[in-house]
Amino acid sequence: MRDVLTKALGSTTSVNLVRATVDGLRNLRSKATIEQSRGVKITI
């Protein structure tokens, strides 16, 4: 990953920011998964 920018909404304690970051990384989807769910081919 490169050039990641974040914005904190709500509580900005260190623990909450780390939890939100880890949760976001866990919820990332691959290109193949997105293509399958949308039923289209993605070209970059």
N, C-alpha and C. Protein backbone atom coordinates (compact mmCIF):
# COMPACT_ATOMS: atom_id res chain seq x y z
N MET A 1 0.84 -1.17 0.00
CA MET A 1 0.00 0.00 0.00
C MET A 1 0.88 1.23 0.00
N ARG A 2 0.38 2.25 -0.68
CA ARG A 2 1.09 3.53 -0.71
C ARG A 2 0.09 4.66 -0.54
N ASP A 3 0.57 5.77 -0.07
CA ASP A 3 -0.21 7.00 0.02
C ASP A 3 -1.56 6.82 0.70
N VAL A 4 -1.53 6.31 1.91
CA VAL A 4 -2.76 6.10 2.66
C VAL A 4 -3.06 7.35 3.47
N LEU A 5 -4.28 7.85 3.35
CA LEU A 5 -4.72 9.03 4.08
C LEU A 5 -5.94 8.64 4.89
N THR A 6 -6.00 9.06 6.13
CA THR A 6 -7.13 8.72 6.97
C THR A 6 -7.75 9.96 7.58
N LYS A 7 -8.97 9.81 8.02
CA LYS A 7 -9.64 10.88 8.74
C LYS A 7 -10.34 10.22 9.92
N ALA A 8 -10.13 10.75 11.10
CA ALA A 8 -10.74 10.19 12.30
C ALA A 8 -12.09 10.83 12.53
N LEU A 9 -13.10 9.99 12.67
CA LEU A 9 -14.44 10.46 13.01
C LEU A 9 -14.78 9.94 14.40
N GLY A 10 -15.27 10.79 15.24
CA GLY A 10 -15.59 10.36 16.60
C GLY A 10 -14.36 10.40 17.49
N SER A 11 -14.23 9.38 18.30
CA SER A 11 -13.13 9.30 19.27
C SER A 11 -11.79 9.14 18.56
N THR A 12 -10.80 9.87 19.03
CA THR A 12 -9.48 9.82 18.40
C THR A 12 -8.41 9.25 19.34
N THR A 13 -8.83 8.40 20.27
CA THR A 13 -7.84 7.78 21.13
C THR A 13 -7.00 6.81 20.31
N SER A 14 -5.79 6.58 20.74
CA SER A 14 -4.87 5.71 20.00
C SER A 14 -5.43 4.31 19.79
N VAL A 15 -6.03 3.75 20.82
CA VAL A 15 -6.57 2.40 20.72
C VAL A 15 -7.68 2.34 19.68
N ASN A 16 -8.58 3.31 19.67
CA ASN A 16 -9.67 3.32 18.70
C ASN A 16 -9.17 3.51 17.28
N LEU A 17 -8.15 4.33 17.09
CA LEU A 17 -7.59 4.53 15.75
C LEU A 17 -6.95 3.26 15.23
N VAL A 18 -6.24 2.54 16.09
CA VAL A 18 -5.62 1.28 15.68
C VAL A 18 -6.69 0.24 15.36
N ARG A 19 -7.71 0.14 16.18
CA ARG A 19 -8.81 -0.80 15.92
C ARG A 19 -9.49 -0.50 14.59
N ALA A 20 -9.76 0.76 14.32
CA ALA A 20 -10.41 1.15 13.07
C ALA A 20 -9.52 0.84 11.88
N THR A 21 -8.22 1.06 12.00
CA THR A 21 -7.28 0.77 10.91
C THR A 21 -7.24 -0.72 10.62
N VAL A 22 -7.12 -1.53 11.66
CA VAL A 22 -7.07 -2.99 11.48
C VAL A 22 -8.39 -3.49 10.89
N ASP A 23 -9.49 -2.98 11.35
CA ASP A 23 -10.80 -3.38 10.81
C ASP A 23 -10.90 -3.03 9.33
N GLY A 24 -10.44 -1.86 8.96
CA GLY A 24 -10.46 -1.46 7.56
C GLY A 24 -9.58 -2.34 6.70
N LEU A 25 -8.41 -2.71 7.18
CA LEU A 25 -7.52 -3.59 6.43
C LEU A 25 -8.11 -4.99 6.28
N ARG A 26 -8.79 -5.46 7.30
CA ARG A 26 -9.43 -6.78 7.23
C ARG A 26 -10.58 -6.80 6.23
N ASN A 27 -11.22 -5.66 6.03
CA ASN A 27 -12.38 -5.61 5.15
C ASN A 27 -12.03 -5.29 3.70
N LEU A 28 -10.74 -5.19 3.37
CA LEU A 28 -10.34 -4.97 1.99
C LEU A 28 -10.73 -6.17 1.14
N ARG A 29 -11.15 -5.89 -0.10
CA ARG A 29 -11.53 -6.98 -1.01
C ARG A 29 -10.58 -6.96 -2.21
N SER A 30 -10.35 -8.13 -2.76
CA SER A 30 -9.47 -8.24 -3.91
C SER A 30 -10.20 -7.83 -5.18
N LYS A 31 -9.44 -7.56 -6.21
CA LYS A 31 -10.00 -7.19 -7.51
C LYS A 31 -10.91 -8.29 -8.02
N ALA A 32 -10.49 -9.54 -7.87
CA ALA A 32 -11.28 -10.68 -8.35
C ALA A 32 -12.62 -10.78 -7.62
N THR A 33 -12.62 -10.53 -6.31
CA THR A 33 -13.85 -10.58 -5.53
C THR A 33 -14.83 -9.50 -5.98
N ILE A 34 -14.31 -8.31 -6.23
CA ILE A 34 -15.17 -7.21 -6.67
C ILE A 34 -15.73 -7.49 -8.06
N GLU A 35 -14.89 -8.01 -8.95
CA GLU A 35 -15.36 -8.35 -10.30
C GLU A 35 -16.46 -9.39 -10.25
N GLN A 36 -16.29 -10.39 -9.40
CA GLN A 36 -17.29 -11.44 -9.28
C GLN A 36 -18.61 -10.89 -8.73
N SER A 37 -18.54 -10.04 -7.72
CA SER A 37 -19.77 -9.52 -7.13
C SER A 37 -20.51 -8.57 -8.05
N ARG A 38 -19.76 -7.82 -8.88
CA ARG A 38 -20.40 -6.88 -9.82
C ARG A 38 -20.75 -7.51 -11.16
N GLY A 39 -20.11 -8.62 -11.45
CA GLY A 39 -20.35 -9.29 -12.72
C GLY A 39 -19.73 -8.59 -13.91
N VAL A 40 -18.66 -7.83 -13.68
CA VAL A 40 -17.98 -7.12 -14.76
C VAL A 40 -16.48 -7.29 -14.60
N LYS A 41 -15.74 -7.04 -15.67
CA LYS A 41 -14.28 -7.09 -15.66
C LYS A 41 -13.75 -5.69 -15.37
N ILE A 42 -12.85 -5.57 -14.42
CA ILE A 42 -12.27 -4.27 -14.07
C ILE A 42 -10.91 -4.15 -14.73
N THR A 43 -10.71 -3.07 -15.47
CA THR A 43 -9.41 -2.80 -16.08
C THR A 43 -8.85 -1.51 -15.49
N ILE A 44 -7.58 -1.55 -15.21
CA ILE A 44 -6.95 -0.38 -14.61
C ILE A 44 -5.98 0.22 -15.60
